[in-house]
Amino acid sequence: MHPQSMKSDSGSKVTSTHKKIWVDLDNSPHVPFFLPIIGKLRENNYEVLVTARDAYQVRELIEFYKVSARIVGRHYGKHRIWKTLGTCWRALELVRIMRKENPDLAICHGSRGLLLASKLLRIPSVVLADYGFGAEVPFIRPTWLMIPSIVSDEEMALGSQKEPIRYPGIKEDVYLGTFRPDRTLRKRLGIGTDDLLITIRPPATEAHYHNPEADTLLTEVLNKCLKEDTVRILLLPRSNRQENELRSACAKYIATGKILIPAQVEDGLNLIWNSDCVIGGGGTMNREAAALGVPAYSIFRGKVGAVDDYLVGEGRLVLLASADDVRTKLTIARREKPGKHRHNTGSVTLDAIVRYLVSIVECETIVPEVRNKPLDLTHA
């Protein structure tokens, strides 16, 4: 269904007049996730305004993917008072910018700054979310909440003013459908064909949900991997502070090349695809590995969300909850075949999300024909 031919609940035709949609990129996984969504919206004559926070390599990723975005705010540390004050300051800056732009809809994947700003500006908002135990902004709810169909209403701490919208698949399906592997990456990073490559994403130590048990598990994982002669470890810190700490703690192994921390931002999917296994402190990289068919292990020690439960149930993700799990469940072995998609649901998931967004911005509701029929975004 083309947005310019969409009908409202009353049956009258709704005509798009180059409406503006605001997208805020608040964390590194948001960049690849929103890229195809932004592309689809722009293909269909929507003006998409992009803001981004200078945190967790977001700035580096938007430069890597050549995304035009306005940088607003940064990371304000692990202490709650500074997080709160920083979020409020960022929200006010976003208000100042977006008051002039006057967007018709605001979209994010959990950006508290956008949520506060859109409330102050009285802009309808859509929050996409796939983890049910995130911290919500007190007394402020998005207009719409969009979640994977496998996540229950009860799990979502963040409520919405309207009934949650459910999309098929998982968030990572949106951009995995267009992934093309770079077979030269290992050579470029100095990793030999005989090396067994293990990619490790440390826990998010500055996040509100961080459990120090995950740090202990990271040490256990590193110790086990470092004992293997053929193993090279690709370590991917989440922040500059974490990178400095890891470089200090692992200086000996970095000097010998046993541990490698990339000097520049690399495409995360290509790093995963070129790895023999991925071990992460929770979040997107674990799910990306599972979706690509690469052995995936999680040392996340917070509340496990429905998406991870789903992947565990399918045997595509292994949870390491103790040092004994690291010893017995973590298998260090060469992957025989390159990673591949387990499911070809990327276009279905992307089209469903775009279909809902178009319906909201044009009709301010999810019309039955949009909810129940396949999406056709073919230009007239």
Protein backbone atom coordinates (compact mmCIF):
# COMPACT_ATOMS: atom_id res chain seq x y z
CA MET A 1 0.00 0.00 0.00
CA HIS A 2 1.47 3.32 -1.05
CA PRO A 3 1.21 5.98 1.67
CA GLN A 4 -0.36 8.43 -0.73
CA SER A 5 -3.25 6.02 -1.36
CA MET A 6 -3.86 4.98 2.24
CA LYS A 7 -7.39 5.30 3.55
CA SER A 8 -8.41 6.43 7.00
CA ASP A 9 -10.93 4.64 9.20
CA SER A 10 -13.70 6.72 7.64
CA GLY A 11 -12.73 5.54 4.17
CA SER A 12 -11.45 8.88 2.88
CA LYS A 13 -8.11 9.00 1.09
CA VAL A 14 -5.16 10.40 3.02
CA THR A 15 -2.55 12.26 0.98
CA SER A 16 1.05 12.54 2.15
CA THR A 17 2.45 16.05 1.84
CA HIS A 18 6.10 15.29 2.57
CA LYS A 19 5.52 14.81 6.26
CA LYS A 20 8.48 14.88 8.60
CA ILE A 21 9.55 11.93 10.72
CA TRP A 22 12.19 12.33 13.42
CA VAL A 23 14.49 9.40 14.30
CA ASP A 24 16.89 9.50 17.27
CA LEU A 25 19.90 7.15 17.36
CA ASP A 26 20.70 6.75 21.05
CA ASN A 27 22.86 3.59 21.12
CA SER A 28 25.11 1.73 18.68
CA PRO A 29 22.60 -1.03 17.68
CA HIS A 30 20.14 1.68 16.62
CA VAL A 31 22.31 2.72 13.67
CA PRO A 32 22.13 -0.46 11.53
CA PHE A 33 18.56 -1.10 12.72
CA PHE A 34 17.16 2.24 11.57
CA LEU A 35 19.18 2.50 8.33
CA PRO A 36 16.79 0.38 6.20
CA ILE A 37 13.74 1.91 7.92
CA ILE A 38 14.96 5.43 7.13
CA GLY A 39 15.69 4.34 3.57
CA LYS A 40 12.19 2.93 3.06
CA LEU A 41 10.54 6.04 4.49
CA ARG A 42 12.59 8.37 2.29
CA GLU A 43 11.81 6.24 -0.77
CA ASN A 44 8.19 7.01 -0.05
CA ASN A 45 8.55 10.79 0.10
CA TYR A 46 8.90 11.30 3.85
CA GLU A 47 11.45 13.77 5.12
CA VAL A 48 13.42 11.97 7.83
CA LEU A 49 15.28 14.06 10.40
CA VAL A 50 18.04 12.19 12.25
CA THR A 51 19.63 13.07 15.59
CA ALA A 52 22.22 10.98 17.41
CA ARG A 53 23.91 10.75 20.80
CA ASP A 54 27.70 10.66 21.04
CA ALA A 55 27.84 7.43 23.08
CA TYR A 56 28.74 3.76 22.55
CA GLN A 57 30.39 4.38 19.14
CA VAL A 58 27.21 5.94 17.70
CA ARG A 59 29.18 8.85 16.21
CA GLU A 60 31.72 6.48 14.66
CA LEU A 61 28.99 4.23 13.26
CA ILE A 62 27.03 7.03 11.59
CA GLU A 63 30.28 8.13 9.97
CA PHE A 64 31.02 4.53 8.95
CA TYR A 65 27.58 4.10 7.37
CA LYS A 66 27.58 7.69 6.01
CA VAL A 67 24.43 8.71 7.86
CA SER A 68 23.68 12.41 7.98
CA ALA A 69 22.72 13.13 11.58
CA ARG A 70 22.91 15.97 14.08
CA ILE A 71 24.90 15.01 17.20
CA VAL A 72 23.14 16.02 20.40
CA GLY A 73 24.46 15.02 23.83
CA ARG A 74 26.77 12.25 24.99
CA HIS A 75 27.06 9.56 27.65
CA TYR A 76 26.96 10.97 31.16
CA GLY A 77 28.55 8.16 33.18
CA LYS A 78 27.23 5.33 35.30
CA HIS A 79 25.90 7.33 38.27
CA ARG A 80 22.14 7.76 38.22
CA ILE A 81 22.10 11.46 39.14
CA TRP A 82 24.39 12.38 36.23
CA LYS A 83 22.46 10.10 33.89
CA THR A 84 19.22 11.84 34.88
CA LEU A 85 20.61 15.35 34.56
CA GLY A 86 22.28 14.52 31.25
CA THR A 87 19.08 13.03 29.84
CA CYS A 88 17.12 16.14 30.83
CA TRP A 89 19.70 18.46 29.29
CA ARG A 90 19.73 16.42 26.07
CA ALA A 91 15.94 16.45 25.94
CA LEU A 92 15.91 20.26 26.19
CA GLU A 93 18.44 20.52 23.37
CA LEU A 94 16.29 18.21 21.25
CA VAL A 95 13.27 20.39 22.04
CA ARG A 96 15.15 23.49 20.86
CA ILE A 97 16.09 21.80 17.59
CA MET A 98 12.81 20.05 16.84
CA ARG A 99 10.60 23.02 17.72
CA LYS A 100 11.88 24.64 14.51
CA GLU A 101 11.50 21.45 12.45
CA ASN A 102 8.02 20.56 13.75
CA PRO A 103 8.06 16.83 12.87
CA ASP A 104 4.83 14.88 12.53
CA LEU A 105 6.14 11.77 14.30
CA ALA A 106 9.09 10.90 16.56
CA ILE A 107 10.62 7.40 16.49
CA CYS A 108 13.32 5.73 18.59
CA HIS A 109 14.40 2.42 20.07
CA GLY A 110 14.30 3.44 23.71
CA SER A 111 15.77 6.96 23.61
CA ARG A 112 14.72 8.70 26.82
CA GLY A 113 15.82 12.04 25.39
CA LEU A 114 13.43 11.70 22.46
CA LEU A 115 10.64 10.49 24.72
CA LEU A 116 10.94 13.53 26.99
CA ALA A 117 11.33 15.98 24.10
CA SER A 118 8.37 14.62 22.14
CA LYS A 119 6.22 14.87 25.26
CA LEU A 120 7.18 18.51 25.79
CA LEU A 121 6.58 19.29 22.11
CA ARG A 122 3.37 17.23 21.99
CA ILE A 123 4.67 15.19 19.06
CA PRO A 124 3.23 11.65 18.71
CA SER A 125 5.97 9.13 19.45
CA VAL A 126 6.72 5.52 18.60
CA VAL A 127 9.13 3.57 20.79
CA LEU A 128 10.36 0.27 19.40
CA ALA A 129 11.59 -2.09 22.11
CA ASP A 130 12.60 -5.73 22.42
CA TYR A 131 13.83 -5.98 26.03
CA GLY A 132 11.12 -5.99 28.64
CA PHE A 133 13.09 -4.87 31.68
CA GLY A 134 14.49 -1.53 30.59
CA ALA A 135 14.18 1.52 32.82
CA GLU A 136 11.22 3.69 31.90
CA VAL A 137 10.86 7.44 32.22
CA PRO A 138 8.50 8.09 35.15
CA PHE A 139 5.07 9.48 34.20
CA ILE A 140 5.94 9.62 30.49
CA ARG A 141 4.68 7.03 28.04
CA PRO A 142 5.09 6.92 24.25
CA THR A 143 2.00 7.20 22.10
CA TRP A 144 2.79 3.87 20.51
CA LEU A 145 4.93 0.92 21.58
CA MET A 146 6.11 -1.49 18.87
CA ILE A 147 7.51 -4.87 19.99
CA PRO A 148 8.35 -8.30 18.51
CA SER A 149 5.40 -10.67 18.58
CA ILE A 150 7.25 -13.03 20.95
CA VAL A 151 7.41 -10.40 23.73
CA SER A 152 4.44 -10.41 26.11
CA ASP A 153 2.62 -7.32 27.37
CA GLU A 154 3.45 -8.31 30.94
CA GLU A 155 7.20 -8.27 30.28
CA MET A 156 7.30 -4.72 28.97
CA ALA A 157 8.09 -2.24 31.74
CA LEU A 158 7.54 0.62 29.30
CA GLY A 159 3.83 1.13 28.66
CA SER A 160 2.17 3.15 25.91
CA GLN A 161 -0.95 5.22 25.52
CA LYS A 162 -2.34 2.82 22.94
CA GLU A 163 -2.39 -0.95 22.49
CA PRO A 164 1.11 -2.31 21.67
CA ILE A 165 1.85 -3.02 18.02
CA ARG A 166 3.50 -6.38 17.29
CA TYR A 167 5.80 -7.13 14.40
CA PRO A 168 6.98 -10.56 13.16
CA GLY A 169 10.52 -11.79 13.74
CA ILE A 170 13.10 -9.97 15.85
CA LYS A 171 14.76 -6.57 15.57
CA GLU A 172 17.91 -7.97 13.97
CA ASP A 173 15.91 -9.42 11.06
CA VAL A 174 15.34 -5.86 9.82
CA TYR A 175 18.90 -5.42 8.57
CA LEU A 176 20.26 -8.97 8.32
CA GLY A 177 18.32 -9.44 5.10
CA THR A 178 20.64 -7.06 3.23
CA PHE A 179 23.89 -8.28 4.81
CA ARG A 180 26.77 -9.12 2.46
CA PRO A 181 29.89 -10.67 4.07
CA ASP A 182 33.34 -9.19 3.64
CA ARG A 183 35.64 -12.16 3.05
CA THR A 184 38.76 -9.97 3.23
CA LEU A 185 38.18 -8.82 6.81
CA ARG A 186 40.36 -11.46 8.51
CA LYS A 187 43.31 -10.68 6.29
CA ARG A 188 42.85 -6.95 6.80
CA LEU A 189 42.87 -7.38 10.59
CA GLY A 190 45.92 -9.66 10.49
CA ILE A 191 44.06 -12.81 11.49
CA GLY A 192 45.38 -15.96 9.82
CA THR A 193 43.26 -18.57 8.08
CA ASP A 194 44.38 -21.15 10.67
CA ASP A 195 43.47 -18.92 13.62
CA LEU A 196 40.35 -19.76 15.58
CA LEU A 197 38.68 -16.39 16.01
CA ILE A 198 36.52 -15.67 19.05
CA THR A 199 34.74 -12.31 19.20
CA ILE A 200 33.94 -11.05 22.68
CA ARG A 201 31.68 -8.12 23.54
CA PRO A 202 32.14 -7.21 27.24
CA PRO A 203 29.16 -6.44 29.52
CA ALA A 204 27.64 -2.96 29.51
CA THR A 205 29.25 -1.90 32.78
CA GLU A 206 27.71 1.60 32.72
CA ALA A 207 24.14 0.42 32.11
CA HIS A 208 21.54 0.59 34.88
CA TYR A 209 20.89 -3.17 34.56
CA HIS A 210 24.54 -4.24 34.88
CA ASN A 211 25.25 -7.12 37.27
CA PRO A 212 28.90 -7.39 38.42
CA GLU A 213 28.64 -11.18 38.11
CA ALA A 214 29.04 -10.66 34.37
CA ASP A 215 32.50 -9.14 34.92
CA THR A 216 33.58 -12.29 36.76
CA LEU A 217 32.27 -14.42 33.90
CA LEU A 218 34.18 -12.28 31.39
CA THR A 219 37.40 -13.07 33.28
CA GLU A 220 36.55 -16.78 33.26
CA VAL A 221 35.87 -16.68 29.52
CA LEU A 222 39.11 -14.83 28.75
CA ASN A 223 41.15 -17.23 30.88
CA LYS A 224 39.69 -20.25 29.10
CA CYS A 225 40.17 -18.82 25.62
CA LEU A 226 43.71 -17.62 26.28
CA LYS A 227 44.79 -21.17 27.13
CA GLU A 228 44.08 -22.30 23.56
CA ASP A 229 47.11 -21.96 21.30
CA THR A 230 45.25 -21.37 18.04
CA VAL A 231 42.73 -18.88 19.47
CA ARG A 232 42.80 -15.18 18.61
CA ILE A 233 40.42 -12.97 20.57
CA LEU A 234 38.71 -9.99 18.99
CA LEU A 235 37.69 -7.76 21.91
CA LEU A 236 35.03 -5.13 21.24
CA PRO A 237 34.74 -2.57 24.08
CA ARG A 238 31.50 -0.61 24.43
CA SER A 239 33.06 2.73 25.40
CA ASN A 240 36.38 4.55 25.53
CA ARG A 241 36.52 4.10 29.29
CA GLN A 242 35.99 0.37 28.99
CA GLU A 243 38.57 0.15 26.23
CA ASN A 244 41.19 1.89 28.37
CA GLU A 245 40.47 -0.48 31.26
CA LEU A 246 40.72 -3.56 29.04
CA ARG A 247 43.89 -2.38 27.34
CA SER A 248 45.48 -1.98 30.75
CA ALA A 249 44.28 -5.33 32.09
CA CYS A 250 45.15 -7.26 28.91
CA ALA A 251 48.31 -5.38 27.91
CA LYS A 252 50.49 -8.50 27.75
CA TYR A 253 48.14 -10.37 25.42
CA ILE A 254 47.49 -7.33 23.25
CA ALA A 255 51.26 -6.89 22.82
CA THR A 256 51.64 -10.49 21.60
CA GLY A 257 48.63 -10.26 19.29
CA LYS A 258 46.66 -12.86 21.20
CA ILE A 259 44.00 -10.22 21.88
CA LEU A 260 43.08 -7.70 19.22
CA ILE A 261 41.07 -4.50 19.77
CA PRO A 262 40.27 -2.94 16.38
CA ALA A 263 41.80 0.47 15.88
CA GLN A 264 38.74 1.71 14.04
CA VAL A 265 35.04 0.95 13.82
CA GLU A 266 34.22 -2.16 11.79
CA ASP A 267 30.92 -3.52 10.56
CA GLY A 268 29.65 -5.67 13.43
CA LEU A 269 27.92 -8.23 11.22
CA ASN A 270 31.13 -8.86 9.28
CA LEU A 271 33.08 -9.33 12.49
CA ILE A 272 30.51 -11.89 13.60
CA TRP A 273 30.37 -13.68 10.24
CA ASN A 274 34.17 -14.06 10.22
CA SER A 275 34.23 -15.46 13.77
CA ASP A 276 34.12 -19.04 14.96
CA CYS A 277 31.99 -18.04 17.92
CA VAL A 278 30.69 -14.93 19.66
CA ILE A 279 30.53 -14.34 23.41
CA GLY A 280 28.67 -11.27 24.57
CA GLY A 281 27.58 -9.49 27.68
CA GLY A 282 24.03 -9.43 26.39
CA GLY A 283 22.26 -7.39 23.76
CA THR A 284 22.31 -7.08 20.02
CA MET A 285 25.57 -8.82 19.09
CA ASN A 286 24.46 -12.10 20.69
CA ARG A 287 21.22 -12.03 18.74
CA GLU A 288 22.98 -11.07 15.51
CA ALA A 289 25.29 -14.06 15.89
CA ALA A 290 22.34 -16.35 16.57
CA ALA A 291 20.55 -15.03 13.49
CA LEU A 292 23.66 -15.56 11.32
CA GLY A 293 24.09 -19.13 12.52
CA VAL A 294 27.33 -18.38 14.39
CA PRO A 295 27.67 -20.15 17.78
CA ALA A 296 26.58 -17.56 20.36
CA TYR A 297 27.09 -17.43 24.11
CA SER A 298 25.80 -14.87 26.61
CA ILE A 299 27.35 -13.88 29.94
CA PHE A 300 24.58 -11.38 30.62
CA ARG A 301 23.47 -11.64 34.25
CA GLY A 302 20.46 -9.32 34.31
CA LYS A 303 16.88 -10.41 33.72
CA VAL A 304 16.72 -12.47 30.56
CA GLY A 305 14.23 -11.10 28.04
CA ALA A 306 11.78 -12.97 25.83
CA VAL A 307 13.92 -12.66 22.68
CA ASP A 308 16.90 -14.35 24.33
CA ASP A 309 14.61 -16.98 25.86
CA TYR A 310 13.27 -17.64 22.38
CA LEU A 311 16.78 -18.04 20.92
CA VAL A 312 17.84 -20.30 23.81
CA GLY A 313 14.78 -22.48 23.23
CA GLU A 314 15.75 -22.82 19.56
CA GLY A 315 19.31 -23.80 20.49
CA ARG A 316 20.76 -20.71 18.84
CA LEU A 317 22.04 -19.05 22.03
CA VAL A 318 23.70 -20.55 25.14
CA LEU A 319 23.51 -18.77 28.49
CA LEU A 320 26.64 -18.94 30.67
CA ALA A 321 25.42 -18.21 34.19
CA SER A 322 28.39 -19.45 36.25
CA ALA A 323 32.07 -20.30 36.11
CA ASP A 324 31.07 -23.95 35.86
CA ASP A 325 28.97 -23.11 32.78
CA VAL A 326 32.02 -21.50 31.19
CA ARG A 327 34.02 -24.68 31.81
CA THR A 328 31.34 -27.12 30.61
CA LYS A 329 29.11 -25.31 28.12
CA LEU A 330 31.52 -23.06 26.24
CA THR A 331 32.84 -25.00 23.25
CA ILE A 332 35.91 -23.59 21.57
CA ALA A 333 35.97 -25.11 18.11
CA ARG A 334 36.39 -24.10 14.51
CA ARG A 335 33.21 -23.43 12.59
CA GLU A 336 33.08 -25.69 9.55
CA LYS A 337 30.91 -23.47 7.37
CA PRO A 338 30.44 -19.71 7.13
CA GLY A 339 27.52 -18.25 9.00
CA LYS A 340 24.25 -18.03 7.12
CA HIS A 341 20.75 -16.81 7.76
CA ARG A 342 18.61 -19.23 9.68
CA HIS A 343 15.42 -17.42 8.66
CA ASN A 344 14.57 -15.36 5.61
CA THR A 345 12.26 -13.00 7.51
CA GLY A 346 14.17 -9.74 7.08
CA SER A 347 11.94 -8.19 4.42
CA VAL A 348 8.80 -9.33 6.24
CA THR A 349 9.91 -7.70 9.48
CA LEU A 350 11.10 -4.49 7.82
CA ASP A 351 7.94 -4.14 5.73
CA ALA A 352 5.70 -4.71 8.75
CA ILE A 353 7.44 -1.99 10.77
CA VAL A 354 7.37 0.51 7.90
CA ARG A 355 3.73 -0.32 7.19
CA TYR A 356 2.77 0.50 10.77
CA LEU A 357 4.80 3.72 10.81
CA VAL A 358 3.18 4.90 7.59
CA SER A 359 -0.26 4.14 8.96
CA ILE A 360 0.45 6.09 12.15
CA VAL A 361 1.88 9.18 10.47
CA GLU A 362 -0.86 9.29 7.83
CA CYS A 363 -3.92 8.10 9.76
CA GLU A 364 -2.86 8.44 13.42
CA THR A 365 -3.99 4.86 13.90
CA ILE A 366 -3.31 1.32 12.67
CA VAL A 367 -6.06 0.83 10.12
CA PRO A 368 -7.33 -2.76 9.75
CA GLU A 369 -6.23 -3.08 6.12
CA VAL A 370 -2.67 -2.15 7.10
CA ARG A 371 -2.60 -4.60 9.99
CA ASN A 372 -3.94 -7.50 7.95
CA LYS A 373 -2.66 -7.12 4.38
CA PRO A 374 0.85 -7.43 2.86
CA LEU A 375 2.72 -4.16 2.46
CA ASP A 376 3.23 -2.78 -1.03
CA LEU A 377 5.55 0.22 -1.13
CA THR A 378 5.93 0.24 -4.91
CA HIS A 379 6.06 3.71 -6.37
CA ALA A 380 3.21 4.75 -8.58
